[in-house]
Amino acid sequence: MSKKDYNFPADLHYDGKNHMWVKKENDNIVLVGIDAIGLDTLGDLAYITLKPEGTIVKKGEPIGTLEAAKMTGDIFAPVSGKISAVNAACVENPGIVNDDHYGKGWMVAIDASDWSTESTALISGEKLQPWIEAETHRMETQGFDA
């Protein structure tokens, strides 16, 4: 088993439980995608379904599904609010997420209803590196090639 160096851009926030990233765009609009460990765990994505624009979402509830080489899983909202955009390009071609999960591979934009409170539960800043190390170790001990 080899140890991987996962890429976690420091300007993003992370939902450590569900391996989603969040990027605050402006006002309360945030982009949401899957982080490096989440993608590695799933393998190459083959199919993505997302709830439609205008859907009200609650933090921790499913907003879609991912089907991949290794498994199928739900996509969970890292914050509450309303889906303001769906990245149709990723739904049509999930390979975009495989190739550029922190850029063109964003999945939904959410108009966050309580960013100031809910963002405090996301991982960022000085908490990021210790979390990455702990997650990498956890993946190794569970038999994933982390």
N, C-alpha and C. Protein backbone atom coordinates (compact mmCIF):
# COMPACT_ATOMS: atom_id res chain seq x y z
N MET A 1 0.85 -1.18 0.00
CA MET A 1 0.00 0.00 0.00
C MET A 1 0.89 1.24 0.00
N SER A 2 0.60 2.17 -0.87
CA SER A 2 1.41 3.38 -0.96
C SER A 2 0.66 4.56 -0.36
N LYS A 3 1.38 5.46 0.25
CA LYS A 3 0.78 6.66 0.83
C LYS A 3 0.63 7.71 -0.27
N LYS A 4 -0.55 8.27 -0.37
CA LYS A 4 -0.81 9.30 -1.39
C LYS A 4 -0.73 10.68 -0.77
N ASP A 5 -0.34 11.63 -1.58
CA ASP A 5 -0.38 13.02 -1.18
C ASP A 5 -1.61 13.63 -1.83
N TYR A 6 -2.65 13.77 -1.05
CA TYR A 6 -3.89 14.33 -1.56
C TYR A 6 -3.79 15.85 -1.67
N ASN A 7 -4.43 16.38 -2.69
CA ASN A 7 -4.48 17.81 -2.90
C ASN A 7 -5.73 18.38 -2.24
N PHE A 8 -5.55 19.29 -1.30
CA PHE A 8 -6.65 19.98 -0.64
C PHE A 8 -6.36 21.48 -0.66
N PRO A 9 -6.87 22.21 -1.67
CA PRO A 9 -6.61 23.65 -1.73
C PRO A 9 -7.00 24.35 -0.43
N ALA A 10 -6.12 25.19 0.05
CA ALA A 10 -6.32 25.86 1.34
C ALA A 10 -7.42 26.92 1.31
N ASP A 11 -7.83 27.36 0.12
CA ASP A 11 -8.86 28.40 0.05
C ASP A 11 -10.29 27.83 0.10
N LEU A 12 -10.41 26.53 0.27
CA LEU A 12 -11.73 25.89 0.33
C LEU A 12 -12.05 25.47 1.76
N HIS A 13 -13.33 25.18 1.98
CA HIS A 13 -13.79 24.60 3.23
C HIS A 13 -14.19 23.16 2.91
N TYR A 14 -14.09 22.26 3.91
CA TYR A 14 -14.36 20.85 3.67
C TYR A 14 -15.35 20.28 4.67
N ASP A 15 -16.28 19.48 4.14
CA ASP A 15 -17.19 18.70 4.98
C ASP A 15 -16.48 17.37 5.21
N GLY A 16 -15.82 17.24 6.34
CA GLY A 16 -14.99 16.08 6.61
C GLY A 16 -15.74 14.77 6.67
N LYS A 17 -16.98 14.81 7.09
CA LYS A 17 -17.76 13.58 7.21
C LYS A 17 -18.12 13.03 5.83
N ASN A 18 -18.48 13.91 4.90
CA ASN A 18 -18.99 13.47 3.60
C ASN A 18 -18.04 13.71 2.44
N HIS A 19 -16.87 14.24 2.74
CA HIS A 19 -15.83 14.50 1.74
C HIS A 19 -16.29 15.37 0.58
N MET A 20 -16.93 16.47 0.95
CA MET A 20 -17.33 17.48 -0.02
C MET A 20 -16.53 18.75 0.26
N TRP A 21 -16.26 19.53 -0.80
CA TRP A 21 -15.60 20.81 -0.62
C TRP A 21 -16.61 21.92 -0.90
N VAL A 22 -16.32 23.08 -0.32
CA VAL A 22 -17.20 24.25 -0.46
C VAL A 22 -16.32 25.46 -0.74
N LYS A 23 -16.71 26.21 -1.75
CA LYS A 23 -15.98 27.44 -2.08
C LYS A 23 -16.98 28.60 -2.06
N LYS A 24 -16.74 29.56 -1.19
CA LYS A 24 -17.62 30.73 -1.13
C LYS A 24 -17.31 31.63 -2.32
N GLU A 25 -18.31 31.85 -3.14
CA GLU A 25 -18.14 32.66 -4.35
C GLU A 25 -18.38 34.14 -4.06
N ASN A 26 -19.59 34.46 -3.64
CA ASN A 26 -19.95 35.84 -3.29
C ASN A 26 -21.23 35.81 -2.48
N ASP A 27 -21.49 36.86 -1.74
CA ASP A 27 -22.65 36.90 -0.85
C ASP A 27 -22.77 35.57 -0.14
N ASN A 28 -23.84 34.83 -0.42
CA ASN A 28 -24.03 33.54 0.23
C ASN A 28 -23.96 32.39 -0.76
N ILE A 29 -23.49 32.63 -1.98
CA ILE A 29 -23.40 31.58 -2.99
C ILE A 29 -22.12 30.78 -2.78
N VAL A 30 -22.28 29.46 -2.68
CA VAL A 30 -21.13 28.57 -2.52
C VAL A 30 -21.18 27.49 -3.60
N LEU A 31 -20.02 27.14 -4.13
CA LEU A 31 -19.91 26.01 -5.04
C LEU A 31 -19.58 24.78 -4.20
N VAL A 32 -20.09 23.62 -4.64
CA VAL A 32 -19.91 22.38 -3.90
C VAL A 32 -19.40 21.30 -4.84
N GLY A 33 -18.41 20.53 -4.39
CA GLY A 33 -17.90 19.40 -5.15
C GLY A 33 -17.37 18.33 -4.22
N ILE A 34 -16.82 17.29 -4.79
CA ILE A 34 -16.26 16.19 -4.00
C ILE A 34 -14.76 16.40 -3.83
N ASP A 35 -14.26 16.09 -2.63
CA ASP A 35 -12.83 16.30 -2.38
C ASP A 35 -11.99 15.12 -2.87
N ALA A 36 -10.68 15.25 -2.77
CA ALA A 36 -9.75 14.26 -3.33
C ALA A 36 -9.90 12.88 -2.72
N ILE A 37 -10.07 12.80 -1.40
CA ILE A 37 -10.22 11.49 -0.76
C ILE A 37 -11.56 10.87 -1.14
N GLY A 38 -12.61 11.67 -1.16
CA GLY A 38 -13.92 11.15 -1.56
C GLY A 38 -13.90 10.58 -2.96
N LEU A 39 -13.27 11.30 -3.88
CA LEU A 39 -13.17 10.83 -5.26
C LEU A 39 -12.32 9.58 -5.36
N ASP A 40 -11.22 9.54 -4.63
CA ASP A 40 -10.34 8.38 -4.65
C ASP A 40 -11.06 7.14 -4.11
N THR A 41 -11.86 7.33 -3.08
CA THR A 41 -12.61 6.23 -2.49
C THR A 41 -13.62 5.65 -3.48
N LEU A 42 -14.27 6.53 -4.24
CA LEU A 42 -15.28 6.09 -5.20
C LEU A 42 -14.67 5.49 -6.47
N GLY A 43 -13.56 6.04 -6.91
CA GLY A 43 -13.01 5.65 -8.20
C GLY A 43 -13.59 6.55 -9.29
N ASP A 44 -13.30 6.24 -10.53
CA ASP A 44 -13.78 7.08 -11.63
C ASP A 44 -15.29 7.12 -11.67
N LEU A 45 -15.83 8.34 -11.70
CA LEU A 45 -17.28 8.52 -11.73
C LEU A 45 -17.84 8.14 -13.10
N ALA A 46 -18.98 7.47 -13.07
CA ALA A 46 -19.64 7.05 -14.30
C ALA A 46 -20.98 7.75 -14.48
N TYR A 47 -21.60 8.15 -13.37
CA TYR A 47 -22.95 8.70 -13.44
C TYR A 47 -23.17 9.62 -12.25
N ILE A 48 -23.79 10.78 -12.51
CA ILE A 48 -24.11 11.75 -11.45
C ILE A 48 -25.56 12.17 -11.61
N THR A 49 -26.31 12.14 -10.51
CA THR A 49 -27.65 12.72 -10.51
C THR A 49 -27.67 13.80 -9.42
N LEU A 50 -28.31 14.92 -9.72
CA LEU A 50 -28.38 16.03 -8.79
C LEU A 50 -29.80 16.56 -8.71
N LYS A 51 -30.18 17.02 -7.52
CA LYS A 51 -31.50 17.65 -7.38
C LYS A 51 -31.51 18.92 -8.22
N PRO A 52 -32.68 19.30 -8.72
CA PRO A 52 -32.75 20.45 -9.64
C PRO A 52 -32.58 21.81 -8.96
N GLU A 53 -32.22 22.76 -9.80
CA GLU A 53 -32.13 24.15 -9.39
C GLU A 53 -33.44 24.55 -8.72
N GLY A 54 -33.34 25.31 -7.64
CA GLY A 54 -34.52 25.76 -6.91
C GLY A 54 -34.89 24.87 -5.73
N THR A 55 -34.26 23.70 -5.62
CA THR A 55 -34.55 22.79 -4.51
C THR A 55 -33.99 23.36 -3.20
N ILE A 56 -34.82 23.35 -2.17
CA ILE A 56 -34.37 23.75 -0.84
C ILE A 56 -33.67 22.55 -0.22
N VAL A 57 -32.47 22.76 0.31
CA VAL A 57 -31.68 21.68 0.88
C VAL A 57 -31.31 21.99 2.32
N LYS A 58 -31.13 20.93 3.10
CA LYS A 58 -30.69 21.08 4.49
C LYS A 58 -29.34 20.41 4.64
N LYS A 59 -28.48 21.03 5.42
CA LYS A 59 -27.16 20.49 5.68
C LYS A 59 -27.27 19.02 6.11
N GLY A 60 -26.46 18.17 5.46
CA GLY A 60 -26.43 16.76 5.81
C GLY A 60 -27.42 15.88 5.08
N GLU A 61 -28.31 16.49 4.31
CA GLU A 61 -29.29 15.70 3.56
C GLU A 61 -28.81 15.47 2.13
N PRO A 62 -29.23 14.35 1.51
CA PRO A 62 -28.80 14.05 0.14
C PRO A 62 -29.28 15.09 -0.88
N ILE A 63 -28.36 15.44 -1.79
CA ILE A 63 -28.71 16.35 -2.89
C ILE A 63 -28.45 15.69 -4.24
N GLY A 64 -28.06 14.43 -4.20
CA GLY A 64 -27.80 13.70 -5.43
C GLY A 64 -27.08 12.40 -5.14
N THR A 65 -26.69 11.71 -6.23
CA THR A 65 -25.95 10.46 -6.09
C THR A 65 -24.80 10.41 -7.09
N LEU A 66 -23.81 9.64 -6.72
CA LEU A 66 -22.65 9.39 -7.58
C LEU A 66 -22.55 7.89 -7.79
N GLU A 67 -22.38 7.48 -9.04
CA GLU A 67 -22.10 6.08 -9.33
C GLU A 67 -20.70 6.03 -9.92
N ALA A 68 -19.90 5.12 -9.37
CA ALA A 68 -18.49 5.06 -9.76
C ALA A 68 -18.02 3.62 -9.89
N ALA A 69 -16.76 3.49 -10.24
CA ALA A 69 -16.15 2.19 -10.45
C ALA A 69 -16.21 1.32 -9.19
N LYS A 70 -15.99 1.92 -8.02
CA LYS A 70 -15.89 1.15 -6.80
C LYS A 70 -17.18 1.05 -6.02
N MET A 71 -18.05 2.05 -6.11
CA MET A 71 -19.29 2.05 -5.32
C MET A 71 -20.22 3.17 -5.77
N THR A 72 -21.41 3.15 -5.21
CA THR A 72 -22.40 4.21 -5.43
C THR A 72 -22.62 4.89 -4.09
N GLY A 73 -22.78 6.22 -4.11
CA GLY A 73 -22.99 6.93 -2.87
C GLY A 73 -23.79 8.20 -3.05
N ASP A 74 -24.32 8.67 -1.93
CA ASP A 74 -25.07 9.92 -1.94
C ASP A 74 -24.13 11.11 -1.87
N ILE A 75 -24.61 12.23 -2.40
CA ILE A 75 -23.94 13.52 -2.26
C ILE A 75 -24.74 14.27 -1.20
N PHE A 76 -24.07 14.71 -0.15
CA PHE A 76 -24.75 15.39 0.95
C PHE A 76 -24.47 16.88 0.93
N ALA A 77 -25.50 17.65 1.22
CA ALA A 77 -25.35 19.11 1.28
C ALA A 77 -24.46 19.49 2.46
N PRO A 78 -23.37 20.23 2.20
CA PRO A 78 -22.51 20.66 3.29
C PRO A 78 -23.06 21.87 4.04
N VAL A 79 -24.02 22.56 3.42
CA VAL A 79 -24.70 23.70 4.03
C VAL A 79 -26.16 23.69 3.61
N SER A 80 -26.97 24.39 4.36
CA SER A 80 -28.40 24.52 4.03
C SER A 80 -28.60 25.70 3.09
N GLY A 81 -29.69 25.65 2.33
CA GLY A 81 -30.02 26.75 1.43
C GLY A 81 -30.83 26.28 0.25
N LYS A 82 -30.67 26.97 -0.86
CA LYS A 82 -31.40 26.63 -2.09
C LYS A 82 -30.39 26.41 -3.21
N ILE A 83 -30.56 25.32 -3.95
CA ILE A 83 -29.68 25.06 -5.08
C ILE A 83 -29.94 26.15 -6.11
N SER A 84 -28.92 26.95 -6.39
CA SER A 84 -29.08 28.07 -7.33
C SER A 84 -28.57 27.72 -8.73
N ALA A 85 -27.76 26.65 -8.83
CA ALA A 85 -27.27 26.20 -10.13
C ALA A 85 -26.83 24.75 -10.02
N VAL A 86 -27.00 24.03 -11.12
CA VAL A 86 -26.51 22.65 -11.24
C VAL A 86 -25.52 22.65 -12.40
N ASN A 87 -24.38 22.03 -12.21
CA ASN A 87 -23.37 21.96 -13.26
C ASN A 87 -23.77 20.85 -14.24
N ALA A 88 -24.56 21.22 -15.24
CA ALA A 88 -25.06 20.25 -16.22
C ALA A 88 -23.94 19.54 -16.96
N ALA A 89 -22.81 20.22 -17.14
CA ALA A 89 -21.69 19.60 -17.84
C ALA A 89 -21.21 18.35 -17.11
N CYS A 90 -21.21 18.38 -15.78
CA CYS A 90 -20.77 17.22 -14.99
C CYS A 90 -21.79 16.09 -15.02
N VAL A 91 -23.05 16.46 -15.07
CA VAL A 91 -24.09 15.43 -15.16
C VAL A 91 -23.98 14.72 -16.50
N GLU A 92 -23.77 15.49 -17.56
CA GLU A 92 -23.64 14.91 -18.90
C GLU A 92 -22.33 14.16 -19.09
N ASN A 93 -21.25 14.64 -18.45
CA ASN A 93 -19.94 14.02 -18.59
C ASN A 93 -19.24 13.98 -17.23
N PRO A 94 -19.50 12.94 -16.41
CA PRO A 94 -18.89 12.85 -15.08
C PRO A 94 -17.36 12.84 -15.11
N GLY A 95 -16.76 12.56 -16.24
CA GLY A 95 -15.31 12.59 -16.36
C GLY A 95 -14.73 13.95 -16.02
N ILE A 96 -15.52 15.00 -16.15
CA ILE A 96 -15.06 16.34 -15.77
C ILE A 96 -14.70 16.37 -14.29
N VAL A 97 -15.50 15.71 -13.47
CA VAL A 97 -15.21 15.66 -12.03
C VAL A 97 -13.93 14.86 -11.79
N ASN A 98 -13.78 13.75 -12.51
CA ASN A 98 -12.56 12.95 -12.36
C ASN A 98 -11.32 13.76 -12.71
N ASP A 99 -11.42 14.59 -13.75
CA ASP A 99 -10.26 15.34 -14.26
C ASP A 99 -9.98 16.64 -13.51
N ASP A 100 -11.02 17.30 -12.98
CA ASP A 100 -10.84 18.63 -12.39
C ASP A 100 -11.86 18.84 -11.27
N HIS A 101 -11.79 18.01 -10.23
CA HIS A 101 -12.83 18.04 -9.19
C HIS A 101 -12.85 19.33 -8.37
N TYR A 102 -11.75 20.09 -8.34
CA TYR A 102 -11.75 21.36 -7.60
C TYR A 102 -12.02 22.57 -8.52
N GLY A 103 -12.20 22.34 -9.79
CA GLY A 103 -12.42 23.44 -10.72
C GLY A 103 -13.71 23.24 -11.48
N LYS A 104 -13.57 22.83 -12.74
CA LYS A 104 -14.74 22.64 -13.60
C LYS A 104 -15.67 21.53 -13.09
N GLY A 105 -15.18 20.73 -12.15
CA GLY A 105 -15.95 19.61 -11.63
C GLY A 105 -16.85 19.93 -10.45
N TRP A 106 -17.12 21.20 -10.19
CA TRP A 106 -18.10 21.53 -9.15
C TRP A 106 -19.45 20.95 -9.56
N MET A 107 -20.28 20.61 -8.60
CA MET A 107 -21.55 19.95 -8.91
C MET A 107 -22.76 20.87 -8.79
N VAL A 108 -22.86 21.57 -7.67
CA VAL A 108 -23.98 22.49 -7.49
C VAL A 108 -23.49 23.79 -6.87
N ALA A 109 -24.27 24.83 -7.09
CA ALA A 109 -24.09 26.08 -6.35
C ALA A 109 -25.28 26.19 -5.41
N ILE A 110 -25.01 26.56 -4.18
CA ILE A 110 -26.08 26.69 -3.18
C ILE A 110 -26.07 28.12 -2.66
N ASP A 111 -27.26 28.71 -2.60
CA ASP A 111 -27.44 30.00 -1.95
C ASP A 111 -27.62 29.68 -0.47
N ALA A 112 -26.52 29.76 0.28
CA ALA A 112 -26.50 29.31 1.67
C ALA A 112 -27.38 30.20 2.55
N SER A 113 -28.24 29.57 3.34
CA SER A 113 -29.17 30.32 4.18
C SER A 113 -28.57 30.73 5.53
N ASP A 114 -27.50 30.04 5.98
CA ASP A 114 -26.89 30.38 7.26
C ASP A 114 -25.38 30.10 7.22
N TRP A 115 -24.72 30.69 6.22
CA TRP A 115 -23.29 30.46 6.03
C TRP A 115 -22.49 30.78 7.29
N SER A 116 -22.77 31.90 7.94
CA SER A 116 -21.96 32.33 9.08
C SER A 116 -21.97 31.29 10.20
N THR A 117 -23.05 30.60 10.42
CA THR A 117 -23.11 29.57 11.45
C THR A 117 -22.60 28.23 10.93
N GLU A 118 -23.13 27.78 9.79
CA GLU A 118 -22.80 26.43 9.30
C GLU A 118 -21.35 26.30 8.82
N SER A 119 -20.76 27.37 8.37
CA SER A 119 -19.37 27.29 7.90
C SER A 119 -18.40 26.98 9.03
N THR A 120 -18.79 27.28 10.27
CA THR A 120 -17.90 27.00 11.40
C THR A 120 -17.72 25.50 11.63
N ALA A 121 -18.64 24.68 11.12
CA ALA A 121 -18.52 23.22 11.25
C ALA A 121 -17.69 22.61 10.14
N LEU A 122 -17.35 23.41 9.12
CA LEU A 122 -16.53 22.92 8.02
C LEU A 122 -15.05 23.03 8.38
N ILE A 123 -14.24 22.22 7.74
CA ILE A 123 -12.80 22.19 8.03
C ILE A 123 -12.08 23.17 7.11
N SER A 124 -11.27 24.03 7.70
CA SER A 124 -10.48 24.99 6.94
C SER A 124 -9.35 25.50 7.83
N GLY A 125 -8.48 26.29 7.24
CA GLY A 125 -7.41 26.93 8.00
C GLY A 125 -6.51 25.95 8.71
N GLU A 126 -6.24 26.23 9.98
CA GLU A 126 -5.29 25.42 10.75
C GLU A 126 -5.81 24.02 11.06
N LYS A 127 -7.10 23.78 10.91
CA LYS A 127 -7.66 22.44 11.15
C LYS A 127 -7.46 21.52 9.95
N LEU A 128 -7.12 22.09 8.79
CA LEU A 128 -7.08 21.31 7.56
C LEU A 128 -5.99 20.24 7.56
N GLN A 129 -4.75 20.58 7.84
CA GLN A 129 -3.66 19.61 7.75
C GLN A 129 -3.83 18.45 8.72
N PRO A 130 -4.17 18.70 9.99
CA PRO A 130 -4.38 17.56 10.89
C PRO A 130 -5.52 16.64 10.42
N TRP A 131 -6.57 17.22 9.86
CA TRP A 131 -7.67 16.41 9.34
C TRP A 131 -7.21 15.56 8.16
N ILE A 132 -6.46 16.14 7.23
CA ILE A 132 -5.96 15.39 6.07
C ILE A 132 -5.12 14.20 6.55
N GLU A 133 -4.24 14.44 7.51
CA GLU A 133 -3.39 13.37 8.03
C GLU A 133 -4.22 12.28 8.69
N ALA A 134 -5.21 12.66 9.47
CA ALA A 134 -6.07 11.68 10.15
C ALA A 134 -6.89 10.88 9.13
N GLU A 135 -7.43 11.54 8.12
CA GLU A 135 -8.23 10.86 7.10
C GLU A 135 -7.37 9.93 6.25
N THR A 136 -6.17 10.36 5.91
CA THR A 136 -5.26 9.51 5.14
C THR A 136 -4.94 8.25 5.94
N HIS A 137 -4.67 8.42 7.22
CA HIS A 137 -4.39 7.27 8.09
C HIS A 137 -5.61 6.36 8.17
N ARG A 138 -6.78 6.94 8.34
CA ARG A 138 -8.02 6.16 8.43
C ARG A 138 -8.23 5.34 7.15
N MET A 139 -8.00 5.96 6.01
CA MET A 139 -8.18 5.26 4.73
C MET A 139 -7.19 4.10 4.61
N GLU A 140 -5.96 4.32 5.06
CA GLU A 140 -4.96 3.26 5.00
C GLU A 140 -5.35 2.08 5.88
N THR A 141 -5.85 2.37 7.09
CA THR A 141 -6.21 1.29 8.02
C THR A 141 -7.47 0.56 7.59
N GLN A 142 -8.30 1.20 6.77
CA GLN A 142 -9.51 0.54 6.26
C GLN A 142 -9.25 -0.20 4.96
N GLY A 143 -8.01 -0.19 4.51
CA GLY A 143 -7.67 -0.97 3.33
C GLY A 143 -7.76 -0.23 2.02
N PHE A 144 -8.01 1.08 2.05
CA PHE A 144 -8.00 1.86 0.83
C PHE A 144 -6.55 2.19 0.51
N ASP A 145 -6.23 2.33 -0.75
CA ASP A 145 -4.86 2.65 -1.17
C ASP A 145 -4.64 4.15 -1.03
N ALA A 146 -4.51 4.60 0.21
CA ALA A 146 -4.37 6.03 0.46
C ALA A 146 -2.94 6.46 0.50
